[in-house]
Amino acid sequence: MKASTITLFTLVAILGTIASVSAQNQPVRSTPFPYSNRFTLGGGVSQLLLGGFNVQAEYTTNRMVFDYSHGFNITLSGQSASLVAQDQKLSEKLTSTLGIGVGYRITPGLDLRFEPKLHFYEVYYDGQPQVASNRVTSYRTVTLGLGAYYRYYPFRKQDNALAGILVMPSVRYWPNVWSSLDNNKLTYTNRVTERTETYKAASQGFPGTGGLLANVTIGYTFGLRKK
């Protein structure tokens, strides 16, 4: 069995176990969780810091969370690029990254989500114009992972539109399970290092972690003050 398949099964098992244990330990509630049956629209802070942007839409029921996110033009250069790209003087551009999430609410604020995502990369020589003549390769990756999200409403006690403002930090682990590169790598002649290099498909998140990332979403939950 491939390592990616083992990783997927492990992540699903962890999420299922946590949700099952939590459900068994929760007392019977006569009223639903706050923020149930609500639609939220927001965007991530880290994407803005990396020169791109992200749109995230999600719907919460009493216990479940369903989301869709789509990021654009996220540039990874210097220390934000993968370790292989840094060594080979390359930058990586996520022209598009999209996917869904299905989660379980452990508390009114905290939920865990299973998240399949698709990512589109273009790789360029770092510090040079991002045009076709400077492009080393383009490829796609698929990640399957987990995310932990916490909802915080700084103005939740206000009886006006401010109550819907949301700050949602998250920690995620999105390991690669597939890439469109042959054998997950590309061997080429690098005109900056003047060596034959082997580039490997980048992982998401912090360089060298294999898929660990963190973010903060700023958003708005509609109809929060409805009874």
C-alpha atoms as a PDB file:
ATOM      1  CA  MET A   1       0.000   0.000   0.000  1.00  0.00           C
ATOM      2  CA  LYS A   2       1.326   3.421  -0.934  1.00  0.00           C
ATOM      3  CA  ALA A   3       2.345   5.886   1.790  1.00  0.00           C
ATOM      4  CA  SER A   4      -0.195   8.419   0.500  1.00  0.00           C
ATOM      5  CA  THR A   5      -3.003   5.857   0.888  1.00  0.00           C
ATOM      6  CA  ILE A   6      -1.863   5.020   4.414  1.00  0.00           C
ATOM      7  CA  THR A   7      -1.797   8.740   5.231  1.00  0.00           C
ATOM      8  CA  LEU A   8      -5.337   9.189   3.928  1.00  0.00           C
ATOM      9  CA  PHE A   9      -6.693   6.233   5.910  1.00  0.00           C
ATOM     10  CA  THR A  10      -4.913   7.462   9.050  1.00  0.00           C
ATOM     11  CA  LEU A  11      -6.306  10.976   8.762  1.00  0.00           C
ATOM     12  CA  VAL A  12      -9.858   9.750   8.175  1.00  0.00           C
ATOM     13  CA  ALA A  13      -9.565   7.364  11.122  1.00  0.00           C
ATOM     14  CA  ILE A  14      -8.328  10.143  13.411  1.00  0.00           C
ATOM     15  CA  LEU A  15     -11.166  12.462  12.412  1.00  0.00           C
ATOM     16  CA  GLY A  16     -13.771   9.726  12.815  1.00  0.00           C
ATOM     17  CA  THR A  17     -12.451   8.703  16.239  1.00  0.00           C
ATOM     18  CA  ILE A  18     -12.390  12.259  17.566  1.00  0.00           C
ATOM     19  CA  ALA A  19     -15.902  12.968  16.299  1.00  0.00           C
ATOM     20  CA  SER A  20     -17.245   9.704  17.751  1.00  0.00           C
ATOM     21  CA  VAL A  21     -15.676  10.212  21.176  1.00  0.00           C
ATOM     22  CA  SER A  22     -16.819  13.828  21.278  1.00  0.00           C
ATOM     23  CA  ALA A  23     -20.393  12.897  20.378  1.00  0.00           C
ATOM     24  CA  GLN A  24     -20.497  10.245  23.113  1.00  0.00           C
ATOM     25  CA  ASN A  25     -19.176  12.640  25.749  1.00  0.00           C
ATOM     26  CA  GLN A  26     -21.416  15.585  24.862  1.00  0.00           C
ATOM     27  CA  PRO A  27     -24.496  16.019  27.057  1.00  0.00           C
ATOM     28  CA  VAL A  28     -27.879  16.080  25.358  1.00  0.00           C
ATOM     29  CA  ARG A  29     -28.600  19.701  24.390  1.00  0.00           C
ATOM     30  CA  SER A  30     -32.070  21.170  24.402  1.00  0.00           C
ATOM     31  CA  THR A  31     -30.931  24.008  22.128  1.00  0.00           C
ATOM     32  CA  PRO A  32     -28.598  23.903  19.096  1.00  0.00           C
ATOM     33  CA  PHE A  33     -25.065  25.237  19.044  1.00  0.00           C
ATOM     34  CA  PRO A  34     -24.739  28.964  18.375  1.00  0.00           C
ATOM     35  CA  TYR A  35     -23.961  29.913  14.754  1.00  0.00           C
ATOM     36  CA  SER A  36     -26.008  26.951  13.441  1.00  0.00           C
ATOM     37  CA  ASN A  37     -27.605  27.090   9.980  1.00  0.00           C
ATOM     38  CA  ARG A  38     -25.564  30.111   9.006  1.00  0.00           C
ATOM     39  CA  PHE A  39     -23.570  31.104   5.904  1.00  0.00           C
ATOM     40  CA  THR A  40     -20.110  32.661   6.241  1.00  0.00           C
ATOM     41  CA  LEU A  41     -17.969  34.375   3.595  1.00  0.00           C
ATOM     42  CA  GLY A  42     -14.349  35.360   4.193  1.00  0.00           C
ATOM     43  CA  GLY A  43     -10.741  35.321   3.065  1.00  0.00           C
ATOM     44  CA  GLY A  44      -7.341  34.305   4.401  1.00  0.00           C
ATOM     45  CA  VAL A  45      -4.691  36.697   5.701  1.00  0.00           C
ATOM     46  CA  SER A  46      -1.663  34.609   4.674  1.00  0.00           C
ATOM     47  CA  GLN A  47      -2.691  34.649   1.015  1.00  0.00           C
ATOM     48  CA  LEU A  48      -2.728  38.464   1.061  1.00  0.00           C
ATOM     49  CA  LEU A  49       0.743  38.514   2.636  1.00  0.00           C
ATOM     50  CA  LEU A  50       1.990  36.291  -0.217  1.00  0.00           C
ATOM     51  CA  GLY A  51       0.652  38.577  -2.937  1.00  0.00           C
ATOM     52  CA  GLY A  52      -2.529  36.645  -3.705  1.00  0.00           C
ATOM     53  CA  PHE A  53      -6.010  36.305  -2.304  1.00  0.00           C
ATOM     54  CA  ASN A  54      -8.479  33.667  -1.212  1.00  0.00           C
ATOM     55  CA  VAL A  55     -12.251  33.377  -1.007  1.00  0.00           C
ATOM     56  CA  GLN A  56     -13.792  30.943   1.467  1.00  0.00           C
ATOM     57  CA  ALA A  57     -17.496  30.158   1.803  1.00  0.00           C
ATOM     58  CA  GLU A  58     -18.917  27.853   4.429  1.00  0.00           C
ATOM     59  CA  TYR A  59     -22.192  26.707   5.916  1.00  0.00           C
ATOM     60  CA  THR A  60     -22.621  25.423   9.459  1.00  0.00           C
ATOM     61  CA  THR A  61     -25.374  23.173  10.741  1.00  0.00           C
ATOM     62  CA  ASN A  62     -25.747  22.225  14.398  1.00  0.00           C
ATOM     63  CA  ARG A  63     -22.844  19.770  14.186  1.00  0.00           C
ATOM     64  CA  MET A  64     -21.439  19.866  10.642  1.00  0.00           C
ATOM     65  CA  VAL A  65     -19.433  22.380   8.626  1.00  0.00           C
ATOM     66  CA  PHE A  66     -19.243  22.425   4.810  1.00  0.00           C
ATOM     67  CA  ASP A  67     -16.832  24.759   3.043  1.00  0.00           C
ATOM     68  CA  TYR A  68     -15.378  25.663  -0.335  1.00  0.00           C
ATOM     69  CA  SER A  69     -12.254  27.770  -0.802  1.00  0.00           C
ATOM     70  CA  HIS A  70     -10.417  29.123  -3.828  1.00  0.00           C
ATOM     71  CA  GLY A  71      -7.065  30.921  -3.754  1.00  0.00           C
ATOM     72  CA  PHE A  72      -5.342  32.787  -6.574  1.00  0.00           C
ATOM     73  CA  ASN A  73      -1.822  33.972  -7.508  1.00  0.00           C
ATOM     74  CA  ILE A  74      -0.005  33.067  -4.299  1.00  0.00           C
ATOM     75  CA  THR A  75       3.731  33.618  -4.771  1.00  0.00           C
ATOM     76  CA  LEU A  76       6.222  31.557  -2.778  1.00  0.00           C
ATOM     77  CA  SER A  77       9.733  32.958  -3.048  1.00  0.00           C
ATOM     78  CA  GLY A  78      12.730  33.267  -0.790  1.00  0.00           C
ATOM     79  CA  GLN A  79      12.129  31.532   2.545  1.00  0.00           C
ATOM     80  CA  SER A  80       8.455  30.899   1.767  1.00  0.00           C
ATOM     81  CA  ALA A  81       9.333  28.619  -1.173  1.00  0.00           C
ATOM     82  CA  SER A  82       9.981  24.906  -0.744  1.00  0.00           C
ATOM     83  CA  LEU A  83      13.463  23.928   0.436  1.00  0.00           C
ATOM     84  CA  VAL A  84      14.262  22.416  -2.972  1.00  0.00           C
ATOM     85  CA  ALA A  85      13.182  25.621  -4.725  1.00  0.00           C
ATOM     86  CA  GLN A  86      15.263  27.737  -2.371  1.00  0.00           C
ATOM     87  CA  ASP A  87      18.348  25.629  -3.082  1.00  0.00           C
ATOM     88  CA  GLN A  88      17.763  25.861  -6.844  1.00  0.00           C
ATOM     89  CA  LYS A  89      17.035  29.640  -6.838  1.00  0.00           C
ATOM     90  CA  LEU A  90      13.409  29.164  -7.903  1.00  0.00           C
ATOM     91  CA  SER A  91      10.081  30.662  -6.924  1.00  0.00           C
ATOM     92  CA  GLU A  92       6.779  28.795  -6.915  1.00  0.00           C
ATOM     93  CA  LYS A  93       3.505  30.415  -7.870  1.00  0.00           C
ATOM     94  CA  LEU A  94       0.189  28.892  -6.900  1.00  0.00           C
ATOM     95  CA  THR A  95      -1.914  30.241  -9.729  1.00  0.00           C
ATOM     96  CA  SER A  96      -4.956  28.509  -8.279  1.00  0.00           C
ATOM     97  CA  THR A  97      -5.695  26.356  -5.254  1.00  0.00           C
ATOM     98  CA  LEU A  98      -9.165  25.062  -4.542  1.00  0.00           C
ATOM     99  CA  GLY A  99     -11.040  22.460  -2.617  1.00  0.00           C
ATOM    100  CA  ILE A 100     -13.715  21.552  -0.137  1.00  0.00           C
ATOM    101  CA  GLY A 101     -13.901  20.764   3.545  1.00  0.00           C
ATOM    102  CA  VAL A 102     -16.320  18.661   5.580  1.00  0.00           C
ATOM    103  CA  GLY A 103     -16.086  19.088   9.310  1.00  0.00           C
ATOM    104  CA  TYR A 104     -17.541  18.190  12.701  1.00  0.00           C
ATOM    105  CA  ARG A 105     -18.181  20.784  15.396  1.00  0.00           C
ATOM    106  CA  ILE A 106     -16.690  19.629  18.701  1.00  0.00           C
ATOM    107  CA  THR A 107     -17.718  22.825  20.505  1.00  0.00           C
ATOM    108  CA  PRO A 108     -19.606  25.918  19.290  1.00  0.00           C
ATOM    109  CA  GLY A 109     -16.286  27.448  18.250  1.00  0.00           C
ATOM    110  CA  LEU A 110     -13.995  24.506  17.431  1.00  0.00           C
ATOM    111  CA  ASP A 111     -14.355  22.109  14.510  1.00  0.00           C
ATOM    112  CA  LEU A 112     -12.190  19.542  12.716  1.00  0.00           C
ATOM    113  CA  ARG A 113     -12.402  19.159   8.930  1.00  0.00           C
ATOM    114  CA  PHE A 114     -11.377  16.631   6.305  1.00  0.00           C
ATOM    115  CA  GLU A 115     -10.060  18.608   3.334  1.00  0.00           C
ATOM    116  CA  PRO A 116      -9.268  17.406  -0.215  1.00  0.00           C
ATOM    117  CA  LYS A 117      -7.580  20.157  -2.264  1.00  0.00           C
ATOM    118  CA  LEU A 118      -6.229  20.683  -5.799  1.00  0.00           C
ATOM    119  CA  HIS A 119      -3.267  23.026  -6.410  1.00  0.00           C
ATOM    120  CA  PHE A 120      -1.888  24.475  -9.665  1.00  0.00           C
ATOM    121  CA  TYR A 121       1.795  25.481  -9.663  1.00  0.00           C
ATOM    122  CA  GLU A 122       4.070  27.417 -11.975  1.00  0.00           C
ATOM    123  CA  VAL A 123       7.801  27.450 -11.232  1.00  0.00           C
ATOM    124  CA  TYR A 124      10.076  30.334 -12.279  1.00  0.00           C
ATOM    125  CA  TYR A 125      13.636  31.473 -11.708  1.00  0.00           C
ATOM    126  CA  ASP A 126      13.516  33.555  -8.552  1.00  0.00           C
ATOM    127  CA  GLY A 127      13.857  37.298  -8.954  1.00  0.00           C
ATOM    128  CA  GLN A 128      13.140  37.215 -12.697  1.00  0.00           C
ATOM    129  CA  PRO A 129       9.948  38.248 -14.514  1.00  0.00           C
ATOM    130  CA  GLN A 130       7.287  35.557 -14.410  1.00  0.00           C
ATOM    131  CA  VAL A 131       7.006  35.079 -18.166  1.00  0.00           C
ATOM    132  CA  ALA A 132       7.059  31.950 -20.302  1.00  0.00           C
ATOM    133  CA  SER A 133      10.785  32.249 -21.093  1.00  0.00           C
ATOM    134  CA  ASN A 134      11.629  32.083 -17.381  1.00  0.00           C
ATOM    135  CA  ARG A 135       9.234  29.263 -16.531  1.00  0.00           C
ATOM    136  CA  VAL A 136      10.885  26.024 -15.464  1.00  0.00           C
ATOM    137  CA  THR A 137       7.731  23.905 -15.267  1.00  0.00           C
ATOM    138  CA  SER A 138       4.069  23.838 -14.335  1.00  0.00           C
ATOM    139  CA  TYR A 139       2.256  21.033 -12.559  1.00  0.00           C
ATOM    140  CA  ARG A 140      -0.607  20.097 -10.258  1.00  0.00           C
ATOM    141  CA  THR A 141      -0.794  18.453  -6.849  1.00  0.00           C
ATOM    142  CA  VAL A 142      -3.585  16.933  -4.797  1.00  0.00           C
ATOM    143  CA  THR A 143      -3.554  17.036  -1.000  1.00  0.00           C
ATOM    144  CA  LEU A 144      -5.737  15.179   1.486  1.00  0.00           C
ATOM    145  CA  GLY A 145      -5.587  16.379   5.038  1.00  0.00           C
ATOM    146  CA  LEU A 146      -7.143  17.669   8.226  1.00  0.00           C
ATOM    147  CA  GLY A 147      -7.764  21.150   9.566  1.00  0.00           C
ATOM    148  CA  ALA A 148      -8.652  22.477  13.014  1.00  0.00           C
ATOM    149  CA  TYR A 149     -10.606  25.760  13.016  1.00  0.00           C
ATOM    150  CA  TYR A 150     -11.704  28.036  15.833  1.00  0.00           C
ATOM    151  CA  ARG A 151     -14.445  30.658  15.393  1.00  0.00           C
ATOM    152  CA  TYR A 152     -14.157  33.898  17.346  1.00  0.00           C
ATOM    153  CA  TYR A 153     -16.715  36.697  17.106  1.00  0.00           C
ATOM    154  CA  PRO A 154     -15.172  39.798  18.746  1.00  0.00           C
ATOM    155  CA  PHE A 155     -18.482  41.694  18.608  1.00  0.00           C
ATOM    156  CA  ARG A 156     -20.852  38.791  19.275  1.00  0.00           C
ATOM    157  CA  LYS A 157     -22.570  40.629  22.128  1.00  0.00           C
ATOM    158  CA  GLN A 158     -23.494  43.557  19.894  1.00  0.00           C
ATOM    159  CA  ASP A 159     -27.119  43.668  18.801  1.00  0.00           C
ATOM    160  CA  ASN A 160     -26.252  45.009  15.350  1.00  0.00           C
ATOM    161  CA  ALA A 161     -24.429  44.072  12.148  1.00  0.00           C
ATOM    162  CA  LEU A 162     -21.035  44.016  13.896  1.00  0.00           C
ATOM    163  CA  ALA A 163     -22.017  40.748  15.587  1.00  0.00           C
ATOM    164  CA  GLY A 164     -21.327  38.821  12.376  1.00  0.00           C
ATOM    165  CA  ILE A 165     -17.639  39.773  12.080  1.00  0.00           C
ATOM    166  CA  LEU A 166     -15.536  36.613  12.363  1.00  0.00           C
ATOM    167  CA  VAL A 167     -11.872  35.944  13.127  1.00  0.00           C
ATOM    168  CA  MET A 168     -11.038  32.278  12.525  1.00  0.00           C
ATOM    169  CA  PRO A 169      -7.487  30.977  13.131  1.00  0.00           C
ATOM    170  CA  SER A 170      -6.704  27.524  11.793  1.00  0.00           C
ATOM    171  CA  VAL A 171      -3.968  24.895  11.783  1.00  0.00           C
ATOM    172  CA  ARG A 172      -3.923  22.340   8.958  1.00  0.00           C
ATOM    173  CA  TYR A 173      -1.937  19.365   7.768  1.00  0.00           C
ATOM    174  CA  TRP A 174      -2.251  18.858   4.004  1.00  0.00           C
ATOM    175  CA  PRO A 175       0.211  16.199   2.733  1.00  0.00           C
ATOM    176  CA  ASN A 176       0.608  15.597  -0.983  1.00  0.00           C
ATOM    177  CA  VAL A 177      -0.970  12.391  -2.278  1.00  0.00           C
ATOM    178  CA  TRP A 178      -0.418  12.992  -6.018  1.00  0.00           C
ATOM    179  CA  SER A 179       1.372  15.279  -8.453  1.00  0.00           C
ATOM    180  CA  SER A 180       1.321  15.538 -12.244  1.00  0.00           C
ATOM    181  CA  LEU A 181       5.145  15.450 -12.404  1.00  0.00           C
ATOM    182  CA  ASP A 182       6.550  12.098 -13.516  1.00  0.00           C
ATOM    183  CA  ASN A 183       7.573  10.255 -10.351  1.00  0.00           C
ATOM    184  CA  ASN A 184       6.860  13.478  -8.465  1.00  0.00           C
ATOM    185  CA  LYS A 185       9.995  15.188  -9.848  1.00  0.00           C
ATOM    186  CA  LEU A 186      11.596  16.983 -12.784  1.00  0.00           C
ATOM    187  CA  THR A 187      15.236  16.821 -13.843  1.00  0.00           C
ATOM    188  CA  TYR A 188      16.412  19.856 -15.823  1.00  0.00           C
ATOM    189  CA  THR A 189      19.380  22.145 -16.474  1.00  0.00           C
ATOM    190  CA  ASN A 190      19.215  25.185 -14.208  1.00  0.00           C
ATOM    191  CA  ARG A 191      20.568  28.279 -15.957  1.00  0.00           C
ATOM    192  CA  VAL A 192      21.192  30.099 -12.650  1.00  0.00           C
ATOM    193  CA  THR A 193      23.074  27.388 -10.736  1.00  0.00           C
ATOM    194  CA  GLU A 194      24.465  25.991 -14.009  1.00  0.00           C
ATOM    195  CA  ARG A 195      23.842  22.480 -12.760  1.00  0.00           C
ATOM    196  CA  THR A 196      21.567  19.595 -13.631  1.00  0.00           C
ATOM    197  CA  GLU A 197      18.968  19.788 -10.886  1.00  0.00           C
ATOM    198  CA  THR A 198      16.103  17.601  -9.734  1.00  0.00           C
ATOM    199  CA  TYR A 199      13.068  19.580  -8.653  1.00  0.00           C
ATOM    200  CA  LYS A 200      10.437  17.850  -6.509  1.00  0.00           C
ATOM    201  CA  ALA A 201       6.749  18.783  -6.253  1.00  0.00           C
ATOM    202  CA  ALA A 202       6.245  21.262  -3.444  1.00  0.00           C
ATOM    203  CA  SER A 203       4.318  20.523  -0.287  1.00  0.00           C
ATOM    204  CA  GLN A 204       1.808  22.944   1.138  1.00  0.00           C
ATOM    205  CA  GLY A 205       2.565  25.194   4.074  1.00  0.00           C
ATOM    206  CA  PHE A 206       5.745  25.841   5.988  1.00  0.00           C
ATOM    207  CA  PRO A 207       8.870  24.679   4.084  1.00  0.00           C
ATOM    208  CA  GLY A 208      10.198  21.333   5.203  1.00  0.00           C
ATOM    209  CA  THR A 209       7.094  20.296   7.190  1.00  0.00           C
ATOM    210  CA  GLY A 210       5.459  18.116   4.542  1.00  0.00           C
ATOM    211  CA  GLY A 211       2.147  19.966   4.615  1.00  0.00           C
ATOM    212  CA  LEU A 212       1.770  21.848   7.910  1.00  0.00           C
ATOM    213  CA  LEU A 213       0.302  25.336   7.613  1.00  0.00           C
ATOM    214  CA  ALA A 214      -1.564  27.947   9.641  1.00  0.00           C
ATOM    215  CA  ASN A 215      -3.786  30.823   8.643  1.00  0.00           C
ATOM    216  CA  VAL A 216      -6.286  33.362   9.928  1.00  0.00           C
ATOM    217  CA  THR A 217      -9.557  33.924   8.072  1.00  0.00           C
ATOM    218  CA  ILE A 218     -11.374  37.229   8.376  1.00  0.00           C
ATOM    219  CA  GLY A 219     -15.020  36.855   7.465  1.00  0.00           C
ATOM    220  CA  TYR A 220     -18.638  37.623   8.109  1.00  0.00           C
ATOM    221  CA  THR A 221     -21.432  35.315   9.227  1.00  0.00           C
ATOM    222  CA  PHE A 222     -24.790  36.392   7.864  1.00  0.00           C
ATOM    223  CA  GLY A 223     -27.922  36.342   9.978  1.00  0.00           C
ATOM    224  CA  LEU A 224     -26.057  35.823  13.235  1.00  0.00           C
ATOM    225  CA  ARG A 225     -28.613  37.780  15.262  1.00  0.00           C
ATOM    226  CA  LYS A 226     -31.588  35.852  13.896  1.00  0.00           C
ATOM    227  CA  LYS A 227     -33.505  33.910  16.484  1.00  0.00           C
END
